[in-house]
Amino acid sequence: MKKPDLGQTINTLANLGVIAGIVFLVVELQQNNEVLELQVQSENRARVNAMVELVVENPEYADLMVKEESELTDSERNRLTFLGIRMILNFEELYRDFTLGRIEEEEAIRRVRAISERDADYGVRLAWPTTKSRADPRFAEWLETITNREAGGQPTIE
């Protein structure tokens, strides 16, 4: 039997070390991806909870959301418009999460429709005309498509 050469042994051990390092790196990347996905889910829940808490902690919003637009004072209209801007920014974040592959499009659509299809107006109708002009055009088109907005940019939240 031939005795292994010291150089071959060192080379083999080095190769095994490289392979072990690659395996370790793959495991590490998978763990990092899982952590990132958990963070995205946590941020999504926090975003949803923040909107719910805002209305719960400020019950006057609930009153404003059911008022006819013609019955709103200027101050109420402004407050409801700012609520609508905040809601639209949340929708835009959902759209961004979808386009980056963080969530499925169906999930983003379901969340937007959960708000846009309610009887209460979260101020989106008031905020949309000005917010649309500042929004990413792809987002604006996507939002109008999934919420069945009328021509002229007004939402048809039914």
C-alpha atoms as a PDB file:
ATOM      1  CA  MET A   1       0.000   0.000   0.000  1.00  0.00           C
ATOM      2  CA  LYS A   2       1.140   3.417  -0.858  1.00  0.00           C
ATOM      3  CA  LYS A   3       1.464   5.962   1.911  1.00  0.00           C
ATOM      4  CA  PRO A   4      -0.552   9.156   1.237  1.00  0.00           C
ATOM      5  CA  ASP A   5       1.513  12.176   0.436  1.00  0.00           C
ATOM      6  CA  LEU A   6       1.335  14.981   3.013  1.00  0.00           C
ATOM      7  CA  GLY A   7       0.535  17.499   0.264  1.00  0.00           C
ATOM      8  CA  GLN A   8      -2.369  15.386  -0.997  1.00  0.00           C
ATOM      9  CA  THR A   9      -3.718  15.009   2.533  1.00  0.00           C
ATOM     10  CA  ILE A  10      -3.573  18.759   3.146  1.00  0.00           C
ATOM     11  CA  ASN A  11      -5.200  19.418  -0.243  1.00  0.00           C
ATOM     12  CA  THR A  12      -8.011  16.931   0.504  1.00  0.00           C
ATOM     13  CA  LEU A  13      -8.602  18.432   3.931  1.00  0.00           C
ATOM     14  CA  ALA A  14      -8.660  21.933   2.412  1.00  0.00           C
ATOM     15  CA  ASN A  15     -11.216  20.812  -0.172  1.00  0.00           C
ATOM     16  CA  LEU A  16     -13.351  19.246   2.543  1.00  0.00           C
ATOM     17  CA  GLY A  17     -13.102  22.521   4.476  1.00  0.00           C
ATOM     18  CA  VAL A  18     -14.284  24.471   1.436  1.00  0.00           C
ATOM     19  CA  ILE A  19     -17.225  22.091   0.942  1.00  0.00           C
ATOM     20  CA  ALA A  20     -18.151  22.342   4.627  1.00  0.00           C
ATOM     21  CA  GLY A  21     -17.946  26.150   4.358  1.00  0.00           C
ATOM     22  CA  ILE A  22     -20.273  26.160   1.358  1.00  0.00           C
ATOM     23  CA  VAL A  23     -22.767  23.903   3.152  1.00  0.00           C
ATOM     24  CA  PHE A  24     -22.613  26.207   6.176  1.00  0.00           C
ATOM     25  CA  LEU A  25     -23.176  29.244   3.932  1.00  0.00           C
ATOM     26  CA  VAL A  26     -26.253  27.630   2.321  1.00  0.00           C
ATOM     27  CA  VAL A  27     -27.740  26.858   5.742  1.00  0.00           C
ATOM     28  CA  GLU A  28     -26.982  30.410   6.895  1.00  0.00           C
ATOM     29  CA  LEU A  29     -28.656  31.922   3.803  1.00  0.00           C
ATOM     30  CA  GLN A  30     -31.775  29.799   4.313  1.00  0.00           C
ATOM     31  CA  GLN A  31     -32.004  30.931   7.921  1.00  0.00           C
ATOM     32  CA  ASN A  32     -31.552  34.565   6.891  1.00  0.00           C
ATOM     33  CA  ASN A  33     -34.333  34.218   4.304  1.00  0.00           C
ATOM     34  CA  GLU A  34     -36.647  32.752   6.928  1.00  0.00           C
ATOM     35  CA  VAL A  35     -35.849  35.618   9.307  1.00  0.00           C
ATOM     36  CA  LEU A  36     -36.482  38.186   6.549  1.00  0.00           C
ATOM     37  CA  GLU A  37     -39.829  36.586   5.730  1.00  0.00           C
ATOM     38  CA  LEU A  38     -40.823  36.689   9.389  1.00  0.00           C
ATOM     39  CA  GLN A  39     -39.833  40.365   9.534  1.00  0.00           C
ATOM     40  CA  VAL A  40     -41.959  41.166   6.475  1.00  0.00           C
ATOM     41  CA  GLN A  41     -44.929  39.344   8.003  1.00  0.00           C
ATOM     42  CA  SER A  42     -44.412  41.212  11.265  1.00  0.00           C
ATOM     43  CA  GLU A  43     -44.220  44.570   9.476  1.00  0.00           C
ATOM     44  CA  ASN A  44     -47.397  43.763   7.538  1.00  0.00           C
ATOM     45  CA  ARG A  45     -49.247  42.889  10.746  1.00  0.00           C
ATOM     46  CA  ALA A  46     -47.949  46.041  12.429  1.00  0.00           C
ATOM     47  CA  ARG A  47     -49.124  48.149   9.475  1.00  0.00           C
ATOM     48  CA  VAL A  48     -52.607  46.644   9.584  1.00  0.00           C
ATOM     49  CA  ASN A  49     -52.792  46.943  13.359  1.00  0.00           C
ATOM     50  CA  ALA A  50     -51.656  50.572  13.241  1.00  0.00           C
ATOM     51  CA  MET A  51     -54.588  51.513  10.992  1.00  0.00           C
ATOM     52  CA  VAL A  52     -57.082  49.629  13.122  1.00  0.00           C
ATOM     53  CA  GLU A  53     -55.664  51.153  16.307  1.00  0.00           C
ATOM     54  CA  LEU A  54     -55.816  54.630  14.787  1.00  0.00           C
ATOM     55  CA  VAL A  55     -59.559  54.332  14.242  1.00  0.00           C
ATOM     56  CA  VAL A  56     -60.174  52.534  17.543  1.00  0.00           C
ATOM     57  CA  GLU A  57     -58.202  55.109  19.520  1.00  0.00           C
ATOM     58  CA  ASN A  58     -59.921  57.970  17.686  1.00  0.00           C
ATOM     59  CA  PRO A  59     -63.607  57.036  17.530  1.00  0.00           C
ATOM     60  CA  GLU A  60     -64.414  60.325  15.808  1.00  0.00           C
ATOM     61  CA  TYR A  61     -62.912  58.772  12.654  1.00  0.00           C
ATOM     62  CA  ALA A  62     -65.648  56.150  12.714  1.00  0.00           C
ATOM     63  CA  ASP A  63     -68.228  58.964  12.753  1.00  0.00           C
ATOM     64  CA  LEU A  64     -66.490  60.778   9.897  1.00  0.00           C
ATOM     65  CA  MET A  65     -66.267  57.647   7.760  1.00  0.00           C
ATOM     66  CA  VAL A  66     -70.038  57.197   7.661  1.00  0.00           C
ATOM     67  CA  LYS A  67     -70.924  60.842   7.015  1.00  0.00           C
ATOM     68  CA  GLU A  68     -72.002  61.976   3.594  1.00  0.00           C
ATOM     69  CA  GLU A  69     -69.261  64.001   1.951  1.00  0.00           C
ATOM     70  CA  SER A  70     -71.551  67.016   1.643  1.00  0.00           C
ATOM     71  CA  GLU A  71     -72.108  66.988   5.437  1.00  0.00           C
ATOM     72  CA  LEU A  72     -68.395  67.255   6.311  1.00  0.00           C
ATOM     73  CA  THR A  73     -66.992  70.501   7.664  1.00  0.00           C
ATOM     74  CA  ASP A  74     -63.670  71.680   6.227  1.00  0.00           C
ATOM     75  CA  SER A  75     -61.873  70.384   9.305  1.00  0.00           C
ATOM     76  CA  GLU A  76     -63.572  66.985   9.083  1.00  0.00           C
ATOM     77  CA  ARG A  77     -62.842  66.805   5.361  1.00  0.00           C
ATOM     78  CA  ASN A  78     -59.153  67.481   6.050  1.00  0.00           C
ATOM     79  CA  ARG A  79     -58.963  64.840   8.788  1.00  0.00           C
ATOM     80  CA  LEU A  80     -60.678  62.257   6.622  1.00  0.00           C
ATOM     81  CA  THR A  81     -58.435  63.162   3.668  1.00  0.00           C
ATOM     82  CA  PHE A  82     -55.323  62.612   5.784  1.00  0.00           C
ATOM     83  CA  LEU A  83     -56.715  59.269   6.927  1.00  0.00           C
ATOM     84  CA  GLY A  84     -57.259  58.409   3.258  1.00  0.00           C
ATOM     85  CA  ILE A  85     -53.687  59.409   2.386  1.00  0.00           C
ATOM     86  CA  ARG A  86     -52.426  57.168   5.145  1.00  0.00           C
ATOM     87  CA  MET A  87     -54.580  54.321   3.857  1.00  0.00           C
ATOM     88  CA  ILE A  88     -53.363  54.797   0.282  1.00  0.00           C
ATOM     89  CA  LEU A  89     -49.748  54.812   1.477  1.00  0.00           C
ATOM     90  CA  ASN A  90     -50.462  51.482   3.167  1.00  0.00           C
ATOM     91  CA  PHE A  91     -51.922  50.197  -0.100  1.00  0.00           C
ATOM     92  CA  GLU A  92     -48.785  51.352  -1.893  1.00  0.00           C
ATOM     93  CA  GLU A  93     -46.603  49.459   0.594  1.00  0.00           C
ATOM     94  CA  LEU A  94     -48.672  46.345  -0.076  1.00  0.00           C
ATOM     95  CA  TYR A  95     -48.148  46.869  -3.798  1.00  0.00           C
ATOM     96  CA  ARG A  96     -44.404  47.277  -3.238  1.00  0.00           C
ATOM     97  CA  ASP A  97     -44.311  44.072  -1.160  1.00  0.00           C
ATOM     98  CA  PHE A  98     -46.101  42.275  -3.989  1.00  0.00           C
ATOM     99  CA  THR A  99     -43.774  43.593  -6.709  1.00  0.00           C
ATOM    100  CA  LEU A 100     -40.723  42.630  -4.627  1.00  0.00           C
ATOM    101  CA  GLY A 101     -42.097  39.119  -4.191  1.00  0.00           C
ATOM    102  CA  ARG A 102     -42.589  39.418  -0.434  1.00  0.00           C
ATOM    103  CA  ILE A 103     -46.278  38.560  -0.648  1.00  0.00           C
ATOM    104  CA  GLU A 104     -48.529  37.083  -3.296  1.00  0.00           C
ATOM    105  CA  GLU A 105     -50.608  39.473  -5.391  1.00  0.00           C
ATOM    106  CA  GLU A 106     -53.798  37.773  -4.231  1.00  0.00           C
ATOM    107  CA  GLU A 107     -52.898  38.608  -0.633  1.00  0.00           C
ATOM    108  CA  ALA A 108     -52.282  42.276  -1.496  1.00  0.00           C
ATOM    109  CA  ILE A 109     -55.560  42.468  -3.422  1.00  0.00           C
ATOM    110  CA  ARG A 110     -57.480  40.787  -0.614  1.00  0.00           C
ATOM    111  CA  ARG A 111     -56.149  43.298   1.923  1.00  0.00           C
ATOM    112  CA  VAL A 112     -56.937  46.318  -0.246  1.00  0.00           C
ATOM    113  CA  ARG A 113     -60.423  45.060  -1.011  1.00  0.00           C
ATOM    114  CA  ALA A 114     -61.080  44.353   2.668  1.00  0.00           C
ATOM    115  CA  ILE A 115     -60.965  48.132   3.112  1.00  0.00           C
ATOM    116  CA  SER A 116     -62.139  49.448  -0.251  1.00  0.00           C
ATOM    117  CA  GLU A 117     -65.261  47.310  -0.383  1.00  0.00           C
ATOM    118  CA  ARG A 118     -66.595  48.368   3.005  1.00  0.00           C
ATOM    119  CA  ASP A 119     -69.494  50.778   3.323  1.00  0.00           C
ATOM    120  CA  ALA A 120     -67.429  53.148   5.449  1.00  0.00           C
ATOM    121  CA  ASP A 121     -65.228  55.587   3.538  1.00  0.00           C
ATOM    122  CA  TYR A 122     -61.730  55.619   5.017  1.00  0.00           C
ATOM    123  CA  GLY A 123     -61.032  58.894   3.272  1.00  0.00           C
ATOM    124  CA  VAL A 124     -59.641  57.197   0.184  1.00  0.00           C
ATOM    125  CA  ARG A 125     -62.260  58.866  -2.029  1.00  0.00           C
ATOM    126  CA  LEU A 126     -61.206  62.294  -0.812  1.00  0.00           C
ATOM    127  CA  ALA A 127     -57.479  61.620  -0.919  1.00  0.00           C
ATOM    128  CA  TRP A 128     -57.204  59.732  -4.200  1.00  0.00           C
ATOM    129  CA  PRO A 129     -57.316  62.623  -6.707  1.00  0.00           C
ATOM    130  CA  THR A 130     -54.265  64.344  -5.199  1.00  0.00           C
ATOM    131  CA  THR A 131     -52.486  61.186  -4.076  1.00  0.00           C
ATOM    132  CA  LYS A 132     -52.826  59.609  -7.521  1.00  0.00           C
ATOM    133  CA  SER A 133     -50.814  62.399  -9.107  1.00  0.00           C
ATOM    134  CA  ARG A 134     -47.928  61.739  -6.699  1.00  0.00           C
ATOM    135  CA  ALA A 135     -48.080  57.941  -6.775  1.00  0.00           C
ATOM    136  CA  ASP A 136     -46.075  55.542  -8.896  1.00  0.00           C
ATOM    137  CA  PRO A 137     -48.143  55.287 -12.103  1.00  0.00           C
ATOM    138  CA  ARG A 138     -47.957  51.471 -12.021  1.00  0.00           C
ATOM    139  CA  PHE A 139     -49.322  51.463  -8.489  1.00  0.00           C
ATOM    140  CA  ALA A 140     -52.105  53.896  -9.447  1.00  0.00           C
ATOM    141  CA  GLU A 141     -53.135  51.715 -12.372  1.00  0.00           C
ATOM    142  CA  TRP A 142     -53.015  48.566 -10.217  1.00  0.00           C
ATOM    143  CA  LEU A 143     -55.097  50.152  -7.449  1.00  0.00           C
ATOM    144  CA  GLU A 144     -57.682  51.497  -9.856  1.00  0.00           C
ATOM    145  CA  THR A 145     -57.930  48.123 -11.549  1.00  0.00           C
ATOM    146  CA  ILE A 146     -58.432  46.089  -8.400  1.00  0.00           C
ATOM    147  CA  THR A 147     -60.846  48.527  -6.760  1.00  0.00           C
ATOM    148  CA  ASN A 148     -62.877  49.097  -9.940  1.00  0.00           C
ATOM    149  CA  ARG A 149     -62.358  52.831  -9.956  1.00  0.00           C
ATOM    150  CA  GLU A 150     -64.424  54.905 -12.318  1.00  0.00           C
ATOM    151  CA  ALA A 151     -62.940  57.000 -15.084  1.00  0.00           C
ATOM    152  CA  GLY A 152     -61.803  60.297 -13.675  1.00  0.00           C
ATOM    153  CA  GLY A 153     -59.952  58.722 -10.777  1.00  0.00           C
ATOM    154  CA  GLN A 154     -62.771  58.487  -8.248  1.00  0.00           C
ATOM    155  CA  PRO A 155     -63.044  55.212  -6.391  1.00  0.00           C
ATOM    156  CA  THR A 156     -66.206  53.204  -6.660  1.00  0.00           C
ATOM    157  CA  ILE A 157     -65.948  51.718  -3.223  1.00  0.00           C
ATOM    158  CA  GLU A 158     -69.155  49.771  -3.024  1.00  0.00           C
END
